[in-house]
PDB file of N, CA and C in Angstrom:
ATOM      1  N   MET A   1     -76.846 -56.103-161.856  1.00  0.00           N
ATOM      2  CA  MET A   1     -77.957 -56.106-160.575  1.00  0.00           C
ATOM      3  C   MET A   1     -78.508 -55.061-161.161  1.00  0.00           C
ATOM      4  N   ASP A   2     -79.927 -55.351-160.001  1.00  0.00           N
ATOM      5  CA  ASP A   2     -81.112 -54.194-159.987  1.00  0.00           C
ATOM      6  C   ASP A   2     -80.419 -53.652-158.591  1.00  0.00           C
ATOM      7  N   ASP A   3     -80.649 -52.031-158.550  1.00  0.00           N
ATOM      8  CA  ASP A   3     -80.189 -51.488-157.521  1.00  0.00           C
ATOM      9  C   ASP A   3     -81.527 -50.915-157.521  1.00  0.00           C
ATOM     10  N   ASP A   4     -82.579 -50.954-158.331  1.00  0.00           N
ATOM     11  CA  ASP A   4     -84.079 -50.000-157.492  1.00  0.00           C
ATOM     12  C   ASP A   4     -84.474 -50.075-156.765  1.00  0.00           C
ATOM     13  N   ALA A   5     -84.584 -49.581-155.343  1.00  0.00           N
ATOM     14  CA  ALA A   5     -85.184 -49.596-153.935  1.00  0.00           C
ATOM     15  C   ALA A   5     -86.700 -49.982-154.752  1.00  0.00           C
ATOM     16  N   ILE A   6     -87.734 -51.048-153.943  1.00  0.00           N
ATOM     17  CA  ILE A   6     -89.563 -51.037-153.497  1.00  0.00           C
ATOM     18  C   ILE A   6     -88.778 -50.760-152.610  1.00  0.00           C
ATOM     19  N   THR A   7     -90.444 -50.614-152.661  1.00  0.00           N
ATOM     20  CA  THR A   7     -90.982 -49.694-151.205  1.00  0.00           C
ATOM     21  C   THR A   7     -92.657 -50.044-150.327  1.00  0.00           C
ATOM     22  N   ILE A   8     -91.681 -51.038-150.637  1.00  0.00           N
ATOM     23  CA  ILE A   8     -93.659 -51.502-149.097  1.00  0.00           C
ATOM     24  C   ILE A   8     -93.710 -50.654-148.032  1.00  0.00           C
ATOM     25  N   ARG A   9     -95.105 -50.161-147.970  1.00  0.00           N
ATOM     26  CA  ARG A   9     -96.157 -50.290-147.153  1.00  0.00           C
ATOM     27  C   ARG A   9     -96.920 -51.159-146.034  1.00  0.00           C
ATOM     28  N   LEU A  10     -96.595 -50.334-144.741  1.00  0.00           N
ATOM     29  CA  LEU A  10     -97.472 -51.022-143.936  1.00  0.00           C
ATOM     30  C   LEU A  10     -98.388 -50.380-142.949  1.00  0.00           C
ATOM     31  N   THR A  11     -99.307 -51.400-142.261  1.00  0.00           N
ATOM     32  CA  THR A  11     -99.976 -50.407-141.245  1.00  0.00           C
ATOM     33  C   THR A  11     -98.600 -50.300-139.836  1.00  0.00           C
ATOM     34  N   HIS A  12     -99.113 -49.541-139.185  1.00  0.00           N
ATOM     35  CA  HIS A  12     -98.460 -49.474-137.795  1.00  0.00           C
ATOM     36  C   HIS A  12     -98.094 -50.834-137.349  1.00  0.00           C
ATOM     37  N   ASP A  13    -100.096 -51.599-136.633  1.00  0.00           N
ATOM     38  CA  ASP A  13     -99.964 -53.005-136.443  1.00  0.00           C
ATOM     39  C   ASP A  13     -99.521 -53.875-136.948  1.00  0.00           C
ATOM     40  N   GLN A  14     -98.760 -53.972-138.208  1.00  0.00           N
ATOM     41  CA  GLN A  14     -98.618 -54.269-138.891  1.00  0.00           C
ATOM     42  C   GLN A  14     -96.932 -54.531-138.575  1.00  0.00           C
ATOM     43  N   ALA A  15     -96.482 -53.662-139.271  1.00  0.00           N
ATOM     44  CA  ALA A  15     -95.330 -53.245-139.186  1.00  0.00           C
ATOM     45  C   ALA A  15     -94.588 -53.974-137.436  1.00  0.00           C
ATOM     46  N   PHE A  16     -95.390 -53.724-136.630  1.00  0.00           N
ATOM     47  CA  PHE A  16     -95.063 -54.245-135.011  1.00  0.00           C
ATOM     48  C   PHE A  16     -95.209 -56.244-134.762  1.00  0.00           C
ATOM     49  N   VAL A  17     -95.975 -56.482-135.383  1.00  0.00           N
ATOM     50  CA  VAL A  17     -96.693 -57.842-135.275  1.00  0.00           C
ATOM     51  C   VAL A  17     -95.438 -58.714-136.216  1.00  0.00           C
ATOM     52  N   LEU A  18     -95.405 -57.847-137.592  1.00  0.00           N
ATOM     53  CA  LEU A  18     -94.499 -58.549-138.133  1.00  0.00           C
ATOM     54  C   LEU A  18     -92.517 -58.406-138.058  1.00  0.00           C
ATOM     55  N   SER A  19     -92.522 -57.715-136.859  1.00  0.00           N
ATOM     56  CA  SER A  19     -90.924 -56.985-136.240  1.00  0.00           C
ATOM     57  C   SER A  19     -90.696 -58.662-135.464  1.00  0.00           C
ATOM     58  N   ASP A  20     -92.450 -58.264-134.945  1.00  0.00           N
ATOM     59  CA  ASP A  20     -92.425 -60.096-133.354  1.00  0.00           C
ATOM     60  C   ASP A  20     -91.982 -60.759-133.532  1.00  0.00           C
ATOM     61  N   TRP A  21     -92.457 -61.537-134.693  1.00  0.00           N
ATOM     62  CA  TRP A  21     -92.705 -62.168-135.720  1.00  0.00           C
ATOM     63  C   TRP A  21     -91.140 -63.053-135.274  1.00  0.00           C
ATOM     64  N   LEU A  22     -90.555 -61.717-137.049  1.00  0.00           N
ATOM     65  CA  LEU A  22     -89.329 -62.554-137.333  1.00  0.00           C
ATOM     66  C   LEU A  22     -88.681 -61.981-135.866  1.00  0.00           C
ATOM     67  N   TYR A  23     -88.297 -61.251-134.864  1.00  0.00           N
ATOM     68  CA  TYR A  23     -87.425 -62.014-133.868  1.00  0.00           C
ATOM     69  C   TYR A  23     -87.718 -62.808-133.781  1.00  0.00           C
ATOM     70  N   ARG A  24     -88.936 -62.657-133.322  1.00  0.00           N
ATOM     71  CA  ARG A  24     -89.473 -64.892-132.805  1.00  0.00           C
ATOM     72  C   ARG A  24     -87.793 -65.451-133.332  1.00  0.00           C
ATOM     73  N   VAL A  25     -88.750 -66.304-134.160  1.00  0.00           N
ATOM     74  CA  VAL A  25     -87.992 -67.382-135.358  1.00  0.00           C
ATOM     75  C   VAL A  25     -86.946 -66.686-136.412  1.00  0.00           C
ATOM     76  N   MET A  26     -86.109 -65.783-135.784  1.00  0.00           N
ATOM     77  CA  MET A  26     -84.746 -65.207-136.628  1.00  0.00           C
ATOM     78  C   MET A  26     -83.548 -65.679-134.561  1.00  0.00           C
ATOM     79  N   PHE A  27     -84.590 -65.496-134.220  1.00  0.00           N
ATOM     80  CA  PHE A  27     -84.009 -65.369-133.118  1.00  0.00           C
ATOM     81  C   PHE A  27     -83.706 -65.811-131.519  1.00  0.00           C
ATOM     82  N   GLN A  28     -84.899 -66.967-132.090  1.00  0.00           N
ATOM     83  CA  GLN A  28     -85.801 -67.363-130.751  1.00  0.00           C
ATOM     84  C   GLN A  28     -85.639 -68.994-130.537  1.00  0.00           C
ATOM     85  N   SER A  29     -84.944 -68.636-132.379  1.00  0.00           N
ATOM     86  CA  SER A  29     -85.293 -70.280-132.789  1.00  0.00           C
ATOM     87  C   SER A  29     -85.311 -70.659-134.125  1.00  0.00           C
ATOM     88  N   ASP A  30     -84.793 -71.591-134.131  1.00  0.00           N
ATOM     89  CA  ASP A  30     -84.697 -72.411-135.343  1.00  0.00           C
ATOM     90  C   ASP A  30     -85.869 -72.493-136.214  1.00  0.00           C
ATOM     91  N   ASP A  31     -86.519 -71.872-136.376  1.00  0.00           N
ATOM     92  CA  ASP A  31     -87.272 -71.601-137.178  1.00  0.00           C
ATOM     93  C   ASP A  31     -87.451 -71.041-138.654  1.00  0.00           C
ATOM     94  N   LEU A  32     -86.791 -70.480-138.574  1.00  0.00           N
ATOM     95  CA  LEU A  32     -86.448 -69.739-140.025  1.00  0.00           C
ATOM     96  C   LEU A  32     -85.423 -70.351-140.778  1.00  0.00           C
ATOM     97  N   GLN A  33     -84.546 -70.167-140.633  1.00  0.00           N
ATOM     98  CA  GLN A  33     -83.295 -71.673-141.136  1.00  0.00           C
ATOM     99  C   GLN A  33     -84.504 -73.000-141.514  1.00  0.00           C
ATOM    100  N   GLU A  34     -85.574 -73.404-141.096  1.00  0.00           N
ATOM    101  CA  GLU A  34     -86.166 -74.303-141.588  1.00  0.00           C
ATOM    102  C   GLU A  34     -87.295 -73.738-143.000  1.00  0.00           C
ATOM    103  N   ILE A  35     -87.436 -72.784-142.447  1.00  0.00           N
ATOM    104  CA  ILE A  35     -88.298 -71.958-143.327  1.00  0.00           C
ATOM    105  C   ILE A  35     -88.477 -71.375-144.646  1.00  0.00           C
ATOM    106  N   VAL A  36     -87.051 -70.891-143.970  1.00  0.00           N
ATOM    107  CA  VAL A  36     -87.039 -70.180-145.628  1.00  0.00           C
ATOM    108  C   VAL A  36     -85.000 -70.568-145.458  1.00  0.00           C
ATOM    109  N   ARG A  37     -84.946 -72.178-146.995  1.00  0.00           N
ATOM    110  CA  ARG A  37     -83.978 -72.713-147.263  1.00  0.00           C
ATOM    111  C   ARG A  37     -82.789 -72.408-148.072  1.00  0.00           C
ATOM    112  N   ASP A  38     -82.725 -71.428-148.964  1.00  0.00           N
ATOM    113  CA  ASP A  38     -82.758 -70.556-149.802  1.00  0.00           C
ATOM    114  C   ASP A  38     -81.940 -68.405-148.495  1.00  0.00           C
ATOM    115  N   ARG A  39     -80.299 -69.872-148.241  1.00  0.00           N
ATOM    116  CA  ARG A  39     -79.899 -68.302-148.183  1.00  0.00           C
ATOM    117  C   ARG A  39     -79.975 -67.085-148.647  1.00  0.00           C
ATOM    118  N   ALA A  40     -80.839 -66.738-149.888  1.00  0.00           N
ATOM    119  CA  ALA A  40     -79.945 -66.165-150.564  1.00  0.00           C
ATOM    120  C   ALA A  40     -81.388 -64.605-150.242  1.00  0.00           C
ATOM    121  N   VAL A  41     -82.211 -65.135-149.753  1.00  0.00           N
ATOM    122  CA  VAL A  41     -83.508 -64.258-149.664  1.00  0.00           C
ATOM    123  C   VAL A  41     -83.338 -63.977-147.778  1.00  0.00           C
ATOM    124  N   TRP A  42     -81.979 -64.350-147.743  1.00  0.00           N
ATOM    125  CA  TRP A  42     -82.163 -64.521-145.938  1.00  0.00           C
ATOM    126  C   TRP A  42     -81.701 -62.583-145.775  1.00  0.00           C
ATOM    127  N   SER A  43     -81.186 -62.391-147.110  1.00  0.00           N
ATOM    128  CA  SER A  43     -80.734 -60.163-147.299  1.00  0.00           C
ATOM    129  C   SER A  43     -81.888 -59.049-146.982  1.00  0.00           C
ATOM    130  N   ALA A  44     -83.130 -59.832-147.853  1.00  0.00           N
ATOM    131  CA  ALA A  44     -84.339 -60.062-147.698  1.00  0.00           C
ATOM    132  C   ALA A  44     -85.245 -59.318-146.155  1.00  0.00           C
ATOM    133  N   ILE A  45     -84.564 -60.315-145.391  1.00  0.00           N
ATOM    134  CA  ILE A  45     -85.268 -61.115-144.733  1.00  0.00           C
ATOM    135  C   ILE A  45     -85.035 -59.948-142.967  1.00  0.00           C
ATOM    136  N   TYR A  46     -83.141 -59.745-143.934  1.00  0.00           N
ATOM    137  CA  TYR A  46     -82.078 -59.279-142.289  1.00  0.00           C
ATOM    138  C   TYR A  46     -82.639 -57.275-142.998  1.00  0.00           C
ATOM    139  N   THR A  47     -82.758 -57.223-144.202  1.00  0.00           N
ATOM    140  CA  THR A  47     -82.995 -55.808-143.808  1.00  0.00           C
ATOM    141  C   THR A  47     -84.224 -54.781-143.807  1.00  0.00           C
ATOM    142  N   ILE A  48     -85.113 -55.924-143.681  1.00  0.00           N
ATOM    143  CA  ILE A  48     -87.002 -55.927-143.360  1.00  0.00           C
ATOM    144  C   ILE A  48     -86.810 -55.623-141.791  1.00  0.00           C
ATOM    145  N   SER A  49     -85.896 -56.926-140.950  1.00  0.00           N
ATOM    146  CA  SER A  49     -85.460 -56.933-139.904  1.00  0.00           C
ATOM    147  C   SER A  49     -85.437 -55.516-139.178  1.00  0.00           C
ATOM    148  N   GLY A  50     -84.378 -55.215-140.456  1.00  0.00           N
ATOM    149  CA  GLY A  50     -83.596 -54.311-139.033  1.00  0.00           C
ATOM    150  C   GLY A  50     -84.220 -52.636-139.190  1.00  0.00           C
ATOM    151  N   THR A  51     -85.180 -52.625-140.109  1.00  0.00           N
ATOM    152  CA  THR A  51     -85.915 -51.914-141.313  1.00  0.00           C
ATOM    153  C   THR A  51     -86.484 -51.735-139.527  1.00  0.00           C
ATOM    154  N   LEU A  52     -88.008 -52.160-139.238  1.00  0.00           N
ATOM    155  CA  LEU A  52     -88.728 -52.362-138.375  1.00  0.00           C
ATOM    156  C   LEU A  52     -87.998 -51.692-137.002  1.00  0.00           C
ATOM    157  N   ASP A  53     -86.866 -52.096-136.971  1.00  0.00           N
ATOM    158  CA  ASP A  53     -86.471 -52.572-135.260  1.00  0.00           C
ATOM    159  C   ASP A  53     -86.125 -50.943-135.225  1.00  0.00           C
ATOM    160  N   THR A  54     -85.608 -50.323-136.363  1.00  0.00           N
ATOM    161  CA  THR A  54     -85.081 -48.843-135.983  1.00  0.00           C
ATOM    162  C   THR A  54     -86.233 -47.821-136.629  1.00  0.00           C
ATOM    163  N   THR A  55     -87.740 -48.731-136.475  1.00  0.00           N
ATOM    164  CA  THR A  55     -89.114 -47.211-136.621  1.00  0.00           C
ATOM    165  C   THR A  55     -89.581 -47.504-135.398  1.00  0.00           C
ATOM    166  N   LEU A  56     -89.584 -49.121-134.818  1.00  0.00           N
ATOM    167  CA  LEU A  56     -90.284 -49.510-134.052  1.00  0.00           C
ATOM    168  C   LEU A  56     -90.300 -48.514-132.317  1.00  0.00           C
ATOM    169  N   SER A  57     -90.714 -47.762-132.147  1.00  0.00           N
ATOM    170  CA  SER A  57     -90.931 -47.472-130.455  1.00  0.00           C
ATOM    171  C   SER A  57     -90.650 -48.371-129.587  1.00  0.00           C
ATOM    172  N   GLU A  58     -91.570 -49.018-129.630  1.00  0.00           N
ATOM    173  CA  GLU A  58     -92.572 -50.157-128.562  1.00  0.00           C
ATOM    174  C   GLU A  58     -92.012 -51.315-128.774  1.00  0.00           C
ATOM    175  N   ILE A  59     -90.443 -51.613-129.073  1.00  0.00           N
ATOM    176  CA  ILE A  59     -90.038 -52.339-129.614  1.00  0.00           C
ATOM    177  C   ILE A  59     -89.063 -52.528-127.613  1.00  0.00           C
ATOM    178  N   PHE A  60     -89.126 -50.919-127.409  1.00  0.00           N
ATOM    179  CA  PHE A  60     -88.398 -50.921-125.977  1.00  0.00           C
ATOM    180  C   PHE A  60     -89.464 -49.976-124.989  1.00  0.00           C
ATOM    181  N   MET A  61     -90.178 -50.472-124.940  1.00  0.00           N
ATOM    182  CA  MET A  61     -91.538 -50.002-124.054  1.00  0.00           C
ATOM    183  C   MET A  61     -90.815 -51.283-123.390  1.00  0.00           C
ATOM    184  N   PRO A  62     -91.832 -51.286-122.519  1.00  0.00           N
ATOM    185  CA  PRO A  62     -92.253 -51.637-120.482  1.00  0.00           C
ATOM    186  C   PRO A  62     -93.240 -52.123-120.850  1.00  0.00           C
ATOM    187  N   ASP A  63     -93.994 -51.736-121.973  1.00  0.00           N
ATOM    188  CA  ASP A  63     -95.666 -52.519-121.853  1.00  0.00           C
ATOM    189  C   ASP A  63     -95.951 -52.910-123.475  1.00  0.00           C
ATOM    190  N   TYR A  64     -95.254 -53.622-123.942  1.00  0.00           N
ATOM    191  CA  TYR A  64     -94.203 -54.230-124.995  1.00  0.00           C
ATOM    192  C   TYR A  64     -94.985 -54.925-125.123  1.00  0.00           C
ATOM    193  N   GLY A  65     -95.957 -56.039-124.528  1.00  0.00           N
ATOM    194  CA  GLY A  65     -96.773 -57.409-124.641  1.00  0.00           C
ATOM    195  C   GLY A  65     -98.231 -56.484-124.738  1.00  0.00           C
ATOM    196  N   PRO A  66     -98.738 -55.730-123.985  1.00  0.00           N
ATOM    197  CA  PRO A  66     -99.503 -55.619-124.346  1.00  0.00           C
ATOM    198  C   PRO A  66    -100.271 -54.846-125.415  1.00  0.00           C
ATOM    199  N   ARG A  67     -99.163 -54.581-125.868  1.00  0.00           N
ATOM    200  CA  ARG A  67     -99.341 -53.102-126.641  1.00  0.00           C
ATOM    201  C   ARG A  67     -98.797 -54.258-128.169  1.00  0.00           C
ATOM    202  N   LEU A  68     -98.103 -55.083-127.987  1.00  0.00           N
ATOM    203  CA  LEU A  68     -98.485 -56.190-129.547  1.00  0.00           C
ATOM    204  C   LEU A  68     -99.513 -56.814-128.766  1.00  0.00           C
ATOM    205  N   GLU A  69    -100.523 -57.430-127.559  1.00  0.00           N
ATOM    206  CA  GLU A  69    -101.723 -57.772-128.815  1.00  0.00           C
ATOM    207  C   GLU A  69    -102.723 -57.591-128.615  1.00  0.00           C
ATOM    208  N   ALA A  70    -102.343 -56.125-127.982  1.00  0.00           N
ATOM    209  CA  ALA A  70    -103.968 -54.901-129.103  1.00  0.00           C
ATOM    210  C   ALA A  70    -103.419 -54.532-129.768  1.00  0.00           C
ATOM    211  N   ALA A  71    -102.281 -54.775-130.843  1.00  0.00           N
ATOM    212  CA  ALA A  71    -102.137 -54.793-132.588  1.00  0.00           C
ATOM    213  C   ALA A  71    -102.485 -55.988-132.933  1.00  0.00           C
ATOM    214  N   LYS A  72    -102.002 -57.369-132.561  1.00  0.00           N
ATOM    215  CA  LYS A  72    -102.969 -58.034-132.398  1.00  0.00           C
ATOM    216  C   LYS A  72    -104.089 -58.624-133.122  1.00  0.00           C
ATOM    217  N   GLN A  73    -104.773 -58.256-131.920  1.00  0.00           N
ATOM    218  CA  GLN A  73    -106.204 -57.993-132.113  1.00  0.00           C
ATOM    219  C   GLN A  73    -106.952 -57.869-133.464  1.00  0.00           C
ATOM    220  N   ARG A  74    -106.360 -56.161-133.136  1.00  0.00           N
ATOM    221  CA  ARG A  74    -107.035 -55.225-133.794  1.00  0.00           C
ATOM    222  C   ARG A  74    -106.870 -55.364-135.727  1.00  0.00           C
ATOM    223  N   LEU A  75    -105.402 -56.034-136.359  1.00  0.00           N
ATOM    224  CA  LEU A  75    -105.469 -56.960-137.364  1.00  0.00           C
ATOM    225  C   LEU A  75    -105.618 -57.968-137.227  1.00  0.00           C
ATOM    226  N   ARG A  76    -106.116 -58.820-136.246  1.00  0.00           N
ATOM    227  CA  ARG A  76    -106.917 -59.485-136.372  1.00  0.00           C
ATOM    228  C   ARG A  76    -108.687 -59.141-137.290  1.00  0.00           C
ATOM    229  N   ALA A  77    -109.014 -58.168-136.452  1.00  0.00           N
ATOM    230  CA  ALA A  77    -110.878 -57.919-136.656  1.00  0.00           C
ATOM    231  C   ALA A  77    -110.888 -57.061-138.392  1.00  0.00           C
ATOM    232  N   GLY A  78    -109.321 -56.824-137.579  1.00  0.00           N
ATOM    233  CA  GLY A  78    -109.285 -56.292-139.927  1.00  0.00           C
ATOM    234  C   GLY A  78    -109.562 -56.886-140.139  1.00  0.00           C
ATOM    235  N   LEU A  79    -109.282 -58.079-140.204  1.00  0.00           N
ATOM    236  CA  LEU A  79    -109.351 -59.567-141.529  1.00  0.00           C
ATOM    237  C   LEU A  79    -110.079 -60.215-141.188  1.00  0.00           C
ATOM    238  N   TYR A  80    -110.486 -60.501-140.623  1.00  0.00           N
ATOM    239  CA  TYR A  80    -111.434 -61.353-139.387  1.00  0.00           C
ATOM    240  C   TYR A  80    -113.239 -61.460-139.163  1.00  0.00           C
ATOM    241  N   GLY A  81    -112.825 -59.825-139.063  1.00  0.00           N
ATOM    242  CA  GLY A  81    -114.108 -59.360-138.195  1.00  0.00           C
ATOM    243  C   GLY A  81    -114.376 -59.141-136.695  1.00  0.00           C
ATOM    244  N   GLU A  82    -115.136 -58.352-135.830  1.00  0.00           N
ATOM    245  CA  GLU A  82    -114.889 -58.319-134.862  1.00  0.00           C
ATOM    246  C   GLU A  82    -114.991 -59.244-133.910  1.00  0.00           C
ATOM    247  N   ALA A  83    -115.228 -60.119-134.194  1.00  0.00           N
ATOM    248  CA  ALA A  83    -115.479 -61.482-133.430  1.00  0.00           C
ATOM    249  C   ALA A  83    -114.106 -62.418-133.119  1.00  0.00           C
ATOM    250  N   ASP A  84    -112.979 -61.642-134.018  1.00  0.00           N
ATOM    251  CA  ASP A  84    -111.240 -62.577-133.704  1.00  0.00           C
ATOM    252  C   ASP A  84    -111.676 -63.986-133.925  1.00  0.00           C
ATOM    253  N   GLU A  85    -112.151 -64.802-135.374  1.00  0.00           N
ATOM    254  CA  GLU A  85    -111.823 -66.182-135.325  1.00  0.00           C
ATOM    255  C   GLU A  85    -112.210 -66.524-135.554  1.00  0.00           C
ATOM    256  N   SER A  86    -110.069 -65.799-135.683  1.00  0.00           N
ATOM    257  CA  SER A  86    -108.575 -66.735-136.101  1.00  0.00           C
ATOM    258  C   SER A  86    -108.240 -67.624-134.786  1.00  0.00           C
ATOM    259  N   THR A  87    -108.561 -66.239-133.129  1.00  0.00           N
ATOM    260  CA  THR A  87    -107.849 -67.771-132.488  1.00  0.00           C
ATOM    261  C   THR A  87    -108.599 -68.889-132.682  1.00  0.00           C
ATOM    262  N   THR A  88    -109.828 -69.041-132.950  1.00  0.00           N
ATOM    263  CA  THR A  88    -110.213 -70.431-133.236  1.00  0.00           C
ATOM    264  C   THR A  88    -109.714 -71.534-134.019  1.00  0.00           C
ATOM    265  N   LEU A  89    -109.190 -71.130-134.316  1.00  0.00           N
ATOM    266  CA  LEU A  89    -108.993 -71.202-136.525  1.00  0.00           C
ATOM    267  C   LEU A  89    -107.649 -72.259-135.684  1.00  0.00           C
ATOM    268  N   SER A  90    -107.348 -73.538-137.053  1.00  0.00           N
ATOM    269  CA  SER A  90    -106.600 -74.453-136.151  1.00  0.00           C
ATOM    270  C   SER A  90    -105.135 -74.439-136.977  1.00  0.00           C
ATOM    271  N   GLY A  91    -105.287 -73.099-137.995  1.00  0.00           N
ATOM    272  CA  GLY A  91    -103.884 -72.978-138.727  1.00  0.00           C
ATOM    273  C   GLY A  91    -104.021 -73.707-140.021  1.00  0.00           C
ATOM    274  N   ASP A  92    -105.041 -74.038-139.999  1.00  0.00           N
ATOM    275  CA  ASP A  92    -105.215 -74.314-141.653  1.00  0.00           C
ATOM    276  C   ASP A  92    -105.586 -73.052-143.003  1.00  0.00           C
ATOM    277  N   ALA A  93    -104.742 -73.091-143.607  1.00  0.00           N
ATOM    278  CA  ALA A  93    -104.074 -72.257-144.145  1.00  0.00           C
ATOM    279  C   ALA A  93    -105.330 -72.118-145.076  1.00  0.00           C
ATOM    280  N   ALA A  94    -105.879 -73.151-145.534  1.00  0.00           N
ATOM    281  CA  ALA A  94    -106.982 -73.222-147.275  1.00  0.00           C
ATOM    282  C   ALA A  94    -108.396 -72.714-145.710  1.00  0.00           C
ATOM    283  N   ILE A  95    -108.817 -72.002-144.442  1.00  0.00           N
ATOM    284  CA  ILE A  95    -109.154 -71.398-144.261  1.00  0.00           C
ATOM    285  C   ILE A  95    -109.155 -70.621-143.701  1.00  0.00           C
ATOM    286  N   ALA A  96    -107.806 -69.336-144.272  1.00  0.00           N
ATOM    287  CA  ALA A  96    -106.995 -68.463-143.627  1.00  0.00           C
ATOM    288  C   ALA A  96    -107.726 -67.524-144.782  1.00  0.00           C
ATOM    289  N   PRO A  97    -107.321 -65.744-144.564  1.00  0.00           N
ATOM    290  CA  PRO A  97    -107.817 -65.153-145.470  1.00  0.00           C
ATOM    291  C   PRO A  97    -107.193 -65.738-146.466  1.00  0.00           C
ATOM    292  N   GLN A  98    -107.683 -65.269-148.481  1.00  0.00           N
ATOM    293  CA  GLN A  98    -106.950 -65.386-149.322  1.00  0.00           C
ATOM    294  C   GLN A  98    -106.212 -64.116-149.895  1.00  0.00           C
ATOM    295  N   VAL A  99    -105.558 -63.717-149.590  1.00  0.00           N
ATOM    296  CA  VAL A  99    -104.411 -63.222-150.694  1.00  0.00           C
ATOM    297  C   VAL A  99    -103.976 -63.423-152.551  1.00  0.00           C
ATOM    298  N   HIS A 100    -104.658 -62.263-152.906  1.00  0.00           N
ATOM    299  CA  HIS A 100    -104.659 -63.277-155.170  1.00  0.00           C
ATOM    300  C   HIS A 100    -103.110 -62.929-154.852  1.00  0.00           C
ATOM    301  N   ARG A 101    -102.240 -63.682-155.348  1.00  0.00           N
ATOM    302  CA  ARG A 101    -100.955 -64.332-156.097  1.00  0.00           C
ATOM    303  C   ARG A 101    -100.487 -64.701-157.199  1.00  0.00           C
ATOM    304  N   PRO A 102    -100.009 -63.565-157.943  1.00  0.00           N
ATOM    305  CA  PRO A 102    -100.230 -63.865-159.517  1.00  0.00           C
ATOM    306  C   PRO A 102     -99.085 -65.986-159.166  1.00  0.00           C
ATOM    307  N   ASP A 103    -100.293 -65.265-160.820  1.00  0.00           N
ATOM    308  CA  ASP A 103     -98.705 -67.775-161.441  1.00  0.00           C
ATOM    309  C   ASP A 103     -97.530 -66.958-161.295  1.00  0.00           C
ATOM    310  N   ARG A 104     -96.917 -67.775-161.055  1.00  0.00           N
ATOM    311  CA  ARG A 104     -95.572 -67.940-160.983  1.00  0.00           C
ATOM    312  C   ARG A 104     -94.907 -69.009-161.636  1.00  0.00           C
ATOM    313  N   SER A 105     -95.961 -69.985-161.926  1.00  0.00           N
ATOM    314  CA  SER A 105     -95.415 -70.303-162.578  1.00  0.00           C
ATOM    315  C   SER A 105     -94.473 -70.779-164.317  1.00  0.00           C
ATOM    316  N   PHE A 106     -93.482 -71.765-164.312  1.00  0.00           N
ATOM    317  CA  PHE A 106     -92.888 -71.674-165.872  1.00  0.00           C
ATOM    318  C   PHE A 106     -93.630 -72.157-167.289  1.00  0.00           C
ATOM    319  N   PRO A 107     -93.358 -71.710-168.104  1.00  0.00           N
ATOM    320  CA  PRO A 107     -94.262 -72.592-169.009  1.00  0.00           C
ATOM    321  C   PRO A 107     -92.875 -73.650-168.942  1.00  0.00           C
ATOM    322  N   SER A 108     -93.017 -74.988-169.957  1.00  0.00           N
ATOM    323  CA  SER A 108     -91.445 -75.647-169.680  1.00  0.00           C
ATOM    324  C   SER A 108     -91.494 -75.404-171.066  1.00  0.00           C
TER     325      SER A 108
END
C-alpha cells in the first residue's frame, strides 16, 4: 500500500468553488453516484471535501452566496478573460478551456 501523501495546491477561490460543487453533488443530489461509479474513488473525494470544509471559513458566513458568486466570477475571468464568456457557453466540453491530460491508454 502506498502511503505517500500528495499535495494539491488550489487558490482560495478554486477551493471555495470546488467545496460548494462537492457539497451540492454529494449531499443535495444523487449526481455524484452517477458521475463516480467506482466506490474506490470516493475515498479521495471524501478526503478532499473534508479538508476543504475544515479549511474554508466562508462556508459558515452569512454572505456565503455573494462570496461564492464573486469567487466564480474571478475564476471565470481568469479562464475566459474579462468578458466572462462562460455564462453563454452551452456546457460543450469541446469549447471549454483545454487542459493537458496525459495519455492513459495502455498498450494491448
